[in-house]
Amino acid sequence: MKNKKITDQSLIIGIAGLGNIGKKHLNLLLQNPLVKVVSICDTDKKQNPELADISFTTSFDELLKNDSIQLINICTPHYLHTAMSIAAMKAGKHVLVEKPMCLTTADAKKMVAASKKYNRKLIVVKQNRYNQPVLAVDELLSKNKLGKIIEAHCHVLWNRNDAYYQSDWRGKKATEGGALFTQGSHFIDLLIHWLGKINKATTWKGTLAHRIAIDDSGSSTVEFENKTIGKIIWSNNVYQKNYEGSITLFGEKGTVKIGGQYLNTIEYWHVKNTPPPLINHTETIAPNLYNSGYQGSSSHHHLVFNDVIDLILHGKNVPLVQGDEAIACIAAIEKIYKGV
């Protein structure tokens, strides 16, 4: 797809990393009339999309030297997010970084400190917050329609085949961190968004079906700030395809389960004096499809990009997850893993 001309209303973007998710971002950004992608960086020359008006480099430093770029979109492996984000902000660029923000709370704090020091925006991609069922639960909770939340159950029951782990960074603790960072972070983000930070956790985790150095299965019972008890179960061992990604809230005044494979359906809704919302299913929530045969989470990145444009170009108040909020998700995952 042809890139657009730069106008005064364009957000000028450089992309770091053109693997699976980077390609997804690029394709969507090329369709956005208010975005101009001017340069891409990837260490693999074979990833060059060879678009006539987009430069390609294997050097991240070279990408940062492009003075026209306003925002760096970081789509690299998890372990690179901290150093790249800080370097980009130091170079005067805003940052949009894919989840997970990073792999440790200490690194997350460094990223937020850099955002404040260099007065740059640090935004973390959390596209599931835009799912219609998620927005319906947001409204329920904002109006206290469920009353006190007693329990929350979260299931992330997906498939990740052997081909998925055939890379130089997946399946390794130092570079991927664990299944909760990759597959679980969107769900944990929502639990924290609704129930507050996690106070404590008791966890079991294991590696049951893959030859990797991180977990492919686990369960944890957690206590949130508001004293709600949460039960989180995750697995990458479902046969051939993803089975379920769901969150169920048990409140004093009702029970709600949002699920499907990607939190894209309302599976159960029984709330006092509140009928279920009408979900517009013409707005397809398609999964991210990748070359190795697996599917990722829901594909609402275009809505994230729209809000990024409104934030940076127009200074609007938008519901993006910025660095100081995103720290809580990293801290929660650390706490869950330490609860083993």
Protein backbone atom coordinates (compact mmCIF):
# COMPACT_ATOMS: atom_id res chain seq x y z
CA MET A 1 0.00 0.00 0.00
CA LYS A 2 1.27 3.43 -0.92
CA ASN A 3 2.32 5.75 1.87
CA LYS A 4 0.74 9.21 2.25
CA LYS A 5 2.16 12.68 1.80
CA ILE A 6 3.20 14.55 4.92
CA THR A 7 0.84 17.34 5.94
CA ASP A 8 0.63 19.60 8.98
CA GLN A 9 -1.99 17.18 10.32
CA SER A 10 0.21 14.09 9.99
CA LEU A 11 1.79 12.21 12.87
CA ILE A 12 5.25 11.24 11.64
CA ILE A 13 6.20 7.75 12.78
CA GLY A 14 9.20 5.47 12.71
CA ILE A 15 8.76 1.75 13.42
CA ALA A 16 11.31 -0.33 15.31
CA GLY A 17 10.88 -4.05 14.64
CA LEU A 18 9.07 -5.57 11.67
CA GLY A 19 8.29 -9.04 12.91
CA ASN A 20 4.76 -10.38 13.32
CA ILE A 21 3.28 -7.50 15.31
CA GLY A 22 5.40 -4.87 13.55
CA LYS A 23 3.92 -5.89 10.20
CA LYS A 24 0.45 -5.65 11.74
CA HIS A 25 1.16 -2.12 12.93
CA LEU A 26 2.66 -1.05 9.60
CA ASN A 27 -0.32 -2.27 7.58
CA LEU A 28 -2.78 -0.45 9.82
CA LEU A 29 -0.72 2.74 9.97
CA LEU A 30 -0.49 2.85 6.18
CA GLN A 31 -4.30 2.91 6.09
CA ASN A 32 -4.58 5.83 8.51
CA PRO A 33 -4.88 9.18 6.68
CA LEU A 34 -3.43 11.08 9.64
CA VAL A 35 -0.21 9.05 9.84
CA LYS A 36 2.97 9.11 7.78
CA VAL A 37 5.47 6.29 8.32
CA VAL A 38 8.84 7.59 7.15
CA SER A 39 11.31 4.97 8.35
CA ILE A 40 11.54 1.39 9.59
CA CYS A 41 14.29 -0.34 11.54
CA ASP A 42 14.89 -4.08 11.81
CA THR A 43 18.12 -5.99 12.34
CA ASP A 44 17.10 -8.42 9.58
CA LYS A 45 17.53 -6.90 6.11
CA LYS A 46 15.05 -9.44 4.75
CA GLN A 47 12.29 -7.61 6.62
CA ASN A 48 12.64 -4.55 4.39
CA PRO A 49 9.15 -3.99 2.89
CA GLU A 50 10.77 -1.97 0.09
CA LEU A 51 8.20 0.79 0.07
CA ALA A 52 9.45 3.59 -2.13
CA ASP A 53 8.86 6.46 0.29
CA ILE A 54 9.84 4.67 3.53
CA SER A 55 13.51 4.34 4.39
CA PHE A 56 14.83 1.14 5.94
CA THR A 57 17.75 0.71 8.30
CA THR A 58 19.23 -2.02 10.47
CA SER A 59 20.45 0.60 12.98
CA PHE A 60 18.12 1.86 15.71
CA ASP A 61 20.50 4.78 16.30
CA GLU A 62 20.09 5.72 12.64
CA LEU A 63 16.30 5.63 13.02
CA LEU A 64 16.52 8.03 15.97
CA LYS A 65 18.59 10.51 13.94
CA ASN A 66 15.62 11.21 11.67
CA ASP A 67 14.54 14.63 12.95
CA SER A 68 11.16 14.49 11.26
CA ILE A 69 9.96 11.53 13.36
CA GLN A 70 7.64 12.49 16.20
CA LEU A 71 6.87 9.02 17.53
CA ILE A 72 8.76 5.73 17.60
CA ASN A 73 6.51 2.67 17.47
CA ILE A 74 8.43 -0.11 19.26
CA CYS A 75 7.47 -3.62 18.12
CA THR A 76 10.64 -5.46 19.09
CA PRO A 77 11.08 -8.45 21.47
CA HIS A 78 10.17 -7.74 25.09
CA TYR A 79 13.69 -7.49 26.47
CA LEU A 80 14.55 -4.59 24.14
CA HIS A 81 11.63 -2.35 25.12
CA THR A 82 13.29 -0.55 28.03
CA ALA A 83 16.53 0.52 26.37
CA MET A 84 14.84 1.43 23.09
CA SER A 85 12.07 3.43 24.74
CA ILE A 86 14.48 5.43 26.88
CA ALA A 87 16.80 6.09 23.91
CA ALA A 88 13.86 7.24 21.79
CA MET A 89 12.58 9.63 24.44
CA LYS A 90 16.07 10.98 25.00
CA ALA A 91 16.19 11.67 21.26
CA GLY A 92 13.02 13.75 21.58
CA LYS A 93 10.53 11.17 20.29
CA HIS A 94 7.27 10.08 21.83
CA VAL A 95 6.99 6.30 22.27
CA LEU A 96 4.26 3.77 21.54
CA VAL A 97 5.50 0.42 22.81
CA GLU A 98 3.83 -2.96 22.37
CA LYS A 99 2.92 -5.02 25.41
CA PRO A 100 4.48 -5.97 27.67
CA MET A 101 5.89 -2.60 28.58
CA CYS A 102 9.02 -4.39 29.80
CA LEU A 103 9.97 -7.36 31.98
CA THR A 104 10.62 -5.84 35.43
CA THR A 105 9.11 -3.16 37.63
CA ALA A 106 12.55 -1.60 37.98
CA ASP A 107 12.78 -1.17 34.20
CA ALA A 108 9.22 0.18 34.05
CA LYS A 109 10.13 2.86 36.57
CA LYS A 110 13.19 3.81 34.49
CA MET A 111 10.98 4.21 31.44
CA VAL A 112 8.50 6.42 33.29
CA ALA A 113 11.33 8.49 34.75
CA ALA A 114 12.69 9.05 31.24
CA SER A 115 9.23 10.09 30.03
CA LYS A 116 9.11 12.77 32.72
CA LYS A 117 12.74 13.83 32.28
CA TYR A 118 12.45 14.33 28.53
CA ASN A 119 8.79 15.42 28.58
CA ARG A 120 7.75 12.75 26.09
CA LYS A 121 4.66 10.54 25.99
CA LEU A 122 5.15 6.86 26.84
CA ILE A 123 2.16 4.83 25.67
CA VAL A 124 1.67 1.06 25.98
CA VAL A 125 -0.52 -0.82 23.51
CA LYS A 126 -3.59 -2.23 25.31
CA GLN A 127 -6.06 -2.71 22.48
CA ASN A 128 -8.40 -5.03 24.42
CA ARG A 129 -9.62 -2.04 26.43
CA TYR A 130 -11.49 -0.99 23.28
CA ASN A 131 -13.49 -4.24 22.98
CA GLN A 132 -17.22 -3.56 23.29
CA PRO A 133 -17.82 -6.15 26.06
CA VAL A 134 -14.92 -4.62 28.02
CA LEU A 135 -16.42 -1.15 27.63
CA ALA A 136 -19.77 -2.55 28.84
CA VAL A 137 -18.10 -3.82 32.03
CA ASP A 138 -16.38 -0.45 32.43
CA GLU A 139 -19.80 1.20 32.49
CA LEU A 140 -21.22 -1.38 34.91
CA LEU A 141 -18.44 -0.77 37.39
CA SER A 142 -18.46 3.00 37.00
CA LYS A 143 -22.14 2.98 37.99
CA ASN A 144 -21.62 0.39 40.75
CA LYS A 145 -24.17 -1.89 39.10
CA LEU A 146 -22.43 -5.06 40.34
CA GLY A 147 -21.95 -3.81 43.88
CA LYS A 148 -18.96 -5.20 45.74
CA ILE A 149 -16.95 -7.59 43.57
CA ILE A 150 -16.44 -10.78 45.55
CA GLU A 151 -14.46 -12.90 43.09
CA ALA A 152 -12.88 -12.57 39.66
CA HIS A 153 -11.96 -15.58 37.53
CA CYS A 154 -9.66 -15.24 34.53
CA HIS A 155 -8.90 -17.98 31.98
CA VAL A 156 -6.29 -17.64 29.22
CA LEU A 157 -6.46 -21.02 27.50
CA TRP A 158 -4.65 -20.76 24.20
CA ASN A 159 -2.51 -22.72 21.79
CA ARG A 160 1.10 -21.92 21.01
CA ASN A 161 2.67 -24.52 18.74
CA ASP A 162 6.30 -25.55 18.56
CA ALA A 163 6.92 -23.26 15.60
CA TYR A 164 5.98 -20.28 17.77
CA TYR A 165 8.98 -20.88 20.01
CA GLN A 166 11.46 -21.34 17.15
CA SER A 167 13.10 -17.96 17.54
CA ASP A 168 16.16 -16.57 19.25
CA TRP A 169 14.16 -14.93 22.04
CA ARG A 170 10.86 -16.71 22.69
CA GLY A 171 10.76 -19.30 25.43
CA LYS A 172 13.66 -17.75 27.35
CA LYS A 173 13.25 -16.08 30.73
CA ALA A 174 15.73 -13.25 30.08
CA THR A 175 14.15 -12.25 26.79
CA GLU A 176 10.44 -13.25 26.92
CA GLY A 177 9.97 -13.39 30.69
CA GLY A 178 7.09 -15.86 30.84
CA ALA A 179 3.69 -16.67 29.42
CA LEU A 180 1.99 -14.03 31.56
CA PHE A 181 4.06 -11.28 29.95
CA THR A 182 3.17 -12.42 26.44
CA GLN A 183 -0.24 -14.09 26.60
CA GLY A 184 -1.55 -12.91 29.97
CA SER A 185 -0.71 -9.22 30.16
CA HIS A 186 -3.87 -7.90 28.47
CA PHE A 187 -6.04 -9.87 30.91
CA ILE A 188 -4.08 -8.86 33.98
CA ASP A 189 -4.20 -5.25 32.80
CA LEU A 190 -8.00 -5.40 32.77
CA LEU A 191 -8.20 -7.07 36.18
CA ILE A 192 -6.08 -4.29 37.66
CA HIS A 193 -8.04 -1.65 35.77
CA TRP A 194 -11.25 -2.92 37.38
CA LEU A 195 -10.10 -4.18 40.79
CA GLY A 196 -6.89 -2.38 41.70
CA LYS A 197 -3.37 -3.62 42.27
CA ILE A 198 -2.58 -7.13 43.43
CA ASN A 199 -1.57 -7.35 47.10
CA LYS A 200 -0.44 -10.97 47.21
CA ALA A 201 -0.47 -14.18 45.20
CA THR A 202 -0.13 -17.92 45.65
CA THR A 203 0.96 -19.51 42.40
CA TRP A 204 1.79 -22.78 40.69
CA LYS A 205 3.43 -22.74 37.27
CA GLY A 206 5.00 -25.38 35.08
CA THR A 207 6.34 -26.29 31.66
CA LEU A 208 4.26 -29.22 30.51
CA ALA A 209 4.30 -29.53 26.74
CA HIS A 210 7.11 -27.43 25.27
CA ARG A 211 10.88 -27.55 25.41
CA ILE A 212 11.30 -24.02 26.69
CA ALA A 213 12.80 -22.31 29.72
CA ILE A 214 9.61 -20.50 30.75
CA ASP A 215 6.16 -21.63 31.84
CA ASP A 216 3.50 -22.81 29.43
CA SER A 217 0.90 -23.38 32.16
CA GLY A 218 -0.02 -22.00 35.56
CA SER A 219 -2.62 -20.98 38.09
CA SER A 220 -2.64 -18.31 40.76
CA THR A 221 -4.98 -17.17 43.50
CA VAL A 222 -4.54 -13.47 44.14
CA GLU A 223 -5.91 -10.80 46.43
CA PHE A 224 -6.59 -7.36 44.96
CA GLU A 225 -6.44 -4.02 46.77
CA ASN A 226 -10.21 -4.00 47.22
CA LYS A 227 -9.99 -7.49 48.82
CA THR A 228 -11.56 -9.21 45.81
CA ILE A 229 -10.17 -12.72 45.38
CA GLY A 230 -8.98 -13.53 41.88
CA LYS A 231 -8.28 -16.90 40.30
CA ILE A 232 -6.10 -16.80 37.20
CA ILE A 233 -5.48 -19.87 35.05
CA TRP A 234 -3.33 -19.84 31.94
CA SER A 235 -2.12 -22.41 29.43
CA ASN A 236 -0.49 -22.46 25.99
CA ASN A 237 -1.22 -26.17 25.66
CA VAL A 238 -4.71 -26.22 24.14
CA TYR A 239 -4.89 -28.58 21.17
CA GLN A 240 -4.32 -26.89 17.78
CA LYS A 241 -6.13 -23.58 18.38
CA ASN A 242 -7.07 -21.05 21.04
CA TYR A 243 -9.98 -22.09 23.24
CA GLU A 244 -10.86 -19.25 25.58
CA GLY A 245 -9.80 -15.89 26.93
CA SER A 246 -12.27 -14.83 29.57
CA ILE A 247 -12.89 -12.81 32.72
CA THR A 248 -15.85 -13.46 35.03
CA LEU A 249 -16.82 -11.01 37.76
CA PHE A 250 -18.97 -12.20 40.68
CA GLY A 251 -20.59 -9.21 42.38
CA GLU A 252 -23.17 -8.67 45.09
CA LYS A 253 -25.70 -7.54 42.48
CA GLY A 254 -24.79 -9.68 39.51
CA THR A 255 -22.44 -11.90 37.55
CA VAL A 256 -20.88 -11.12 34.19
CA LYS A 257 -18.59 -13.20 31.99
CA ILE A 258 -16.89 -11.73 28.95
CA GLY A 259 -15.10 -14.27 26.84
CA GLY A 260 -14.87 -15.88 23.48
CA GLN A 261 -11.25 -16.34 22.48
CA TYR A 262 -10.35 -12.67 22.86
CA LEU A 263 -12.74 -11.02 25.35
CA ASN A 264 -14.95 -10.24 22.36
CA THR A 265 -18.27 -11.72 23.49
CA ILE A 266 -20.59 -11.50 26.47
CA GLU A 267 -21.07 -15.11 27.52
CA TYR A 268 -23.11 -14.52 30.68
CA TRP A 269 -24.92 -11.46 32.00
CA HIS A 270 -27.19 -11.58 35.02
CA VAL A 271 -27.25 -8.19 36.73
CA LYS A 272 -29.95 -6.77 38.98
CA ASN A 273 -32.21 -4.36 37.07
CA THR A 274 -29.71 -4.15 34.19
CA PRO A 275 -30.30 -5.95 30.90
CA PRO A 276 -27.33 -7.00 28.78
CA PRO A 277 -26.05 -4.36 26.36
CA LEU A 278 -26.52 -4.59 22.62
CA ILE A 279 -23.18 -5.48 21.08
CA ASN A 280 -22.58 -4.35 17.50
CA HIS A 281 -21.25 -7.53 15.96
CA THR A 282 -20.81 -5.83 12.60
CA GLU A 283 -17.66 -4.38 14.15
CA THR A 284 -15.63 -7.53 13.69
CA ILE A 285 -13.03 -8.18 16.34
CA ALA A 286 -10.65 -10.31 14.34
CA PRO A 287 -7.63 -11.94 15.95
CA ASN A 288 -4.10 -11.14 14.86
CA LEU A 289 -3.04 -13.92 12.48
CA TYR A 290 0.62 -14.87 12.27
CA ASN A 291 2.78 -16.88 9.90
CA SER A 292 3.60 -19.66 12.35
CA GLY A 293 -0.09 -20.59 12.56
CA TYR A 294 -1.10 -19.09 15.92
CA GLN A 295 -3.56 -16.32 16.68
CA GLY A 296 -2.96 -13.36 18.95
CA SER A 297 -5.31 -11.14 20.89
CA SER A 298 -8.03 -8.96 19.38
CA SER A 299 -7.22 -6.57 16.58
CA HIS A 300 -8.26 -3.13 17.81
CA HIS A 301 -4.88 -1.51 17.24
CA HIS A 302 -6.40 1.00 14.82
CA LEU A 303 -8.39 2.49 17.72
CA VAL A 304 -5.22 2.78 19.77
CA PHE A 305 -3.54 4.60 16.87
CA ASN A 306 -6.47 7.00 16.55
CA ASP A 307 -6.16 7.95 20.22
CA VAL A 308 -2.38 8.31 19.90
CA ILE A 309 -2.95 10.83 17.12
CA ASP A 310 -5.50 12.73 19.21
CA LEU A 311 -3.16 12.78 22.21
CA ILE A 312 0.01 13.89 20.46
CA LEU A 313 -1.32 16.12 17.67
CA HIS A 314 -4.35 17.59 19.44
CA GLY A 315 -3.66 17.20 23.17
CA LYS A 316 -6.99 15.48 23.75
CA ASN A 317 -7.84 13.53 26.88
CA VAL A 318 -7.99 9.94 25.59
CA PRO A 319 -8.18 6.54 27.35
CA LEU A 320 -4.69 5.35 26.42
CA VAL A 321 -2.61 3.38 28.91
CA GLN A 322 0.47 5.46 29.59
CA GLY A 323 3.63 4.43 31.38
CA ASP A 324 2.74 5.40 34.92
CA GLU A 325 -0.43 3.29 34.74
CA ALA A 326 1.16 0.39 32.85
CA ILE A 327 3.69 -0.21 35.66
CA ALA A 328 0.94 -1.88 37.70
CA CYS A 329 0.58 -4.72 35.20
CA ILE A 330 4.31 -5.50 35.26
CA ALA A 331 4.35 -5.36 39.06
CA ALA A 332 1.36 -7.73 39.21
CA ILE A 333 2.99 -10.29 36.91
CA GLU A 334 6.16 -10.14 39.00
CA LYS A 335 4.12 -10.68 42.16
CA ILE A 336 2.27 -13.64 40.64
CA TYR A 337 5.48 -15.33 39.57
CA LYS A 338 7.12 -14.65 42.95
CA GLY A 339 4.12 -16.32 44.59
CA VAL A 340 5.37 -19.71 43.39
